[in-house]
C-alpha atoms as a PDB file:
ATOM      1  CA  GLY A   1     119.476 127.557 125.240  1.00  0.00           C
ATOM      2  CA  ALA A   2     122.530 128.349 123.217  1.00  0.00           C
ATOM      3  CA  ARG A   3     123.133 131.149 120.778  1.00  0.00           C
ATOM      4  CA  ILE A   4     124.982 130.818 117.470  1.00  0.00           C
ATOM      5  CA  VAL A   5     127.176 133.885 117.055  1.00  0.00           C
ATOM      6  CA  ARG A   6     129.253 132.770 114.044  1.00  0.00           C
ATOM      7  CA  THR A   7     128.344 130.327 111.323  1.00  0.00           C
ATOM      8  CA  GLY A   8     131.726 130.314 109.599  1.00  0.00           C
ATOM      9  CA  ARG A   9     131.918 130.204 105.826  1.00  0.00           C
ATOM     10  CA  PRO A  10     131.509 127.569 103.158  1.00  0.00           C
ATOM     11  CA  PRO A  11     132.318 124.783 102.839  1.00  0.00           C
ATOM     12  CA  TRP A  12     130.687 123.887 106.130  1.00  0.00           C
ATOM     13  CA  ARG A  13     131.563 120.633 107.821  1.00  0.00           C
ATOM     14  CA  ILE A  14     128.351 119.587 109.454  1.00  0.00           C
ATOM     15  CA  ALA A  15     128.212 117.015 112.210  1.00  0.00           C
ATOM     16  CA  HIS A  16     125.015 115.139 112.919  1.00  0.00           C
ATOM     17  CA  ALA A  17     122.390 117.540 114.232  1.00  0.00           C
ATOM     18  CA  ARG A  18     121.205 116.996 117.790  1.00  0.00           C
ATOM     19  CA  ALA A  19     118.566 119.573 118.553  1.00  0.00           C
ATOM     20  CA  THR A  20     114.926 119.961 119.453  1.00  0.00           C
ATOM     21  CA  LEU A  21     113.067 123.145 118.520  1.00  0.00           C
ATOM     22  CA  SER A  22     110.049 124.385 120.433  1.00  0.00           C
ATOM     23  CA  ILE A  23     108.358 127.424 118.923  1.00  0.00           C
ATOM     24  CA  ALA A  24     105.358 129.303 120.322  1.00  0.00           C
ATOM     25  CA  ASN A  25     103.416 129.939 117.129  1.00  0.00           C
ATOM     26  CA  PRO A  26      99.906 128.488 116.753  1.00  0.00           C
ATOM     27  CA  ALA A  27      99.986 128.948 112.962  1.00  0.00           C
ATOM     28  CA  LEU A  28     102.783 126.382 112.458  1.00  0.00           C
ATOM     29  CA  THR A  29     101.586 122.847 111.751  1.00  0.00           C
ATOM     30  CA  ARG A  30     104.314 120.964 109.887  1.00  0.00           C
ATOM     31  CA  ALA A  31     108.014 120.801 109.052  1.00  0.00           C
ATOM     32  CA  THR A  32     109.793 119.928 105.810  1.00  0.00           C
ATOM     33  CA  LEU A  33     113.421 118.818 105.672  1.00  0.00           C
ATOM     34  CA  LEU A  34     115.332 120.304 102.724  1.00  0.00           C
ATOM     35  CA  ASP A  35     118.361 118.774 101.047  1.00  0.00           C
ATOM     36  CA  ALA A  36     121.691 120.613 100.686  1.00  0.00           C
ATOM     37  CA  ASN A  37     120.378 122.308  97.507  1.00  0.00           C
ATOM     38  CA  GLY A  38     117.245 123.640  99.216  1.00  0.00           C
ATOM     39  CA  TYR A  39     114.780 121.159  97.707  1.00  0.00           C
ATOM     40  CA  ALA A  40     112.123 119.430  99.803  1.00  0.00           C
ATOM     41  CA  ALA A  41     113.358 115.992 100.854  1.00  0.00           C
ATOM     42  CA  ARG A  42     110.684 114.773 103.285  1.00  0.00           C
ATOM     43  CA  GLU A  43     108.232 115.746 105.988  1.00  0.00           C
ATOM     44  CA  VAL A  44     109.449 115.656 109.599  1.00  0.00           C
ATOM     45  CA  ALA A  45     107.214 114.631 112.508  1.00  0.00           C
ATOM     46  CA  VAL A  46     106.104 117.481 114.749  1.00  0.00           C
ATOM     47  CA  GLU A  47     104.285 117.602 118.068  1.00  0.00           C
ATOM     48  CA  ARG A  48     101.859 120.310 119.088  1.00  0.00           C
ATOM     49  CA  THR A  49     101.296 121.163 122.749  1.00  0.00           C
ATOM     50  CA  GLY A  50      98.974 124.127 123.133  1.00  0.00           C
ATOM     51  CA  GLU A  51     100.542 126.983 121.206  1.00  0.00           C
ATOM     52  CA  HIS A  52     103.977 125.318 120.979  1.00  0.00           C
ATOM     53  CA  LEU A  53     105.189 123.307 118.012  1.00  0.00           C
ATOM     54  CA  THR A  54     108.047 120.956 118.867  1.00  0.00           C
ATOM     55  CA  VAL A  55     110.234 119.203 116.324  1.00  0.00           C
ATOM     56  CA  GLU A  56     113.255 116.981 116.912  1.00  0.00           C
ATOM     57  CA  LEU A  57     115.727 117.560 114.104  1.00  0.00           C
ATOM     58  CA  PRO A  58     116.778 114.494 112.114  1.00  0.00           C
ATOM     59  CA  PRO A  59     120.565 113.871 112.272  1.00  0.00           C
ATOM     60  CA  ASP A  60     121.002 114.862 108.598  1.00  0.00           C
ATOM     61  CA  THR A  61     119.299 118.274 108.974  1.00  0.00           C
ATOM     62  CA  MET A  62     120.931 121.163 107.179  1.00  0.00           C
ATOM     63  CA  TYR A  63     117.802 123.173 106.354  1.00  0.00           C
ATOM     64  CA  LEU A  64     114.292 122.857 107.764  1.00  0.00           C
ATOM     65  CA  VAL A  65     111.188 124.827 106.786  1.00  0.00           C
ATOM     66  CA  LEU A  66     108.353 125.262 109.254  1.00  0.00           C
ATOM     67  CA  HIS A  67     104.895 125.785 107.746  1.00  0.00           C
END
């Protein structure tokens, strides 16, 4: 994996996201994409394999909440 060491400062110029997250947390069951203002925009499909939740980020992802 890669590590983000600097995020820069606003205004951010965001390219299309290309990432897949896999998190070992059995309590997580869903993901919600937020808009640039932090409001819920839509649910994002997730896949559960054992204790891992995997989600492929939509290209327009800026913020994502895992529940």
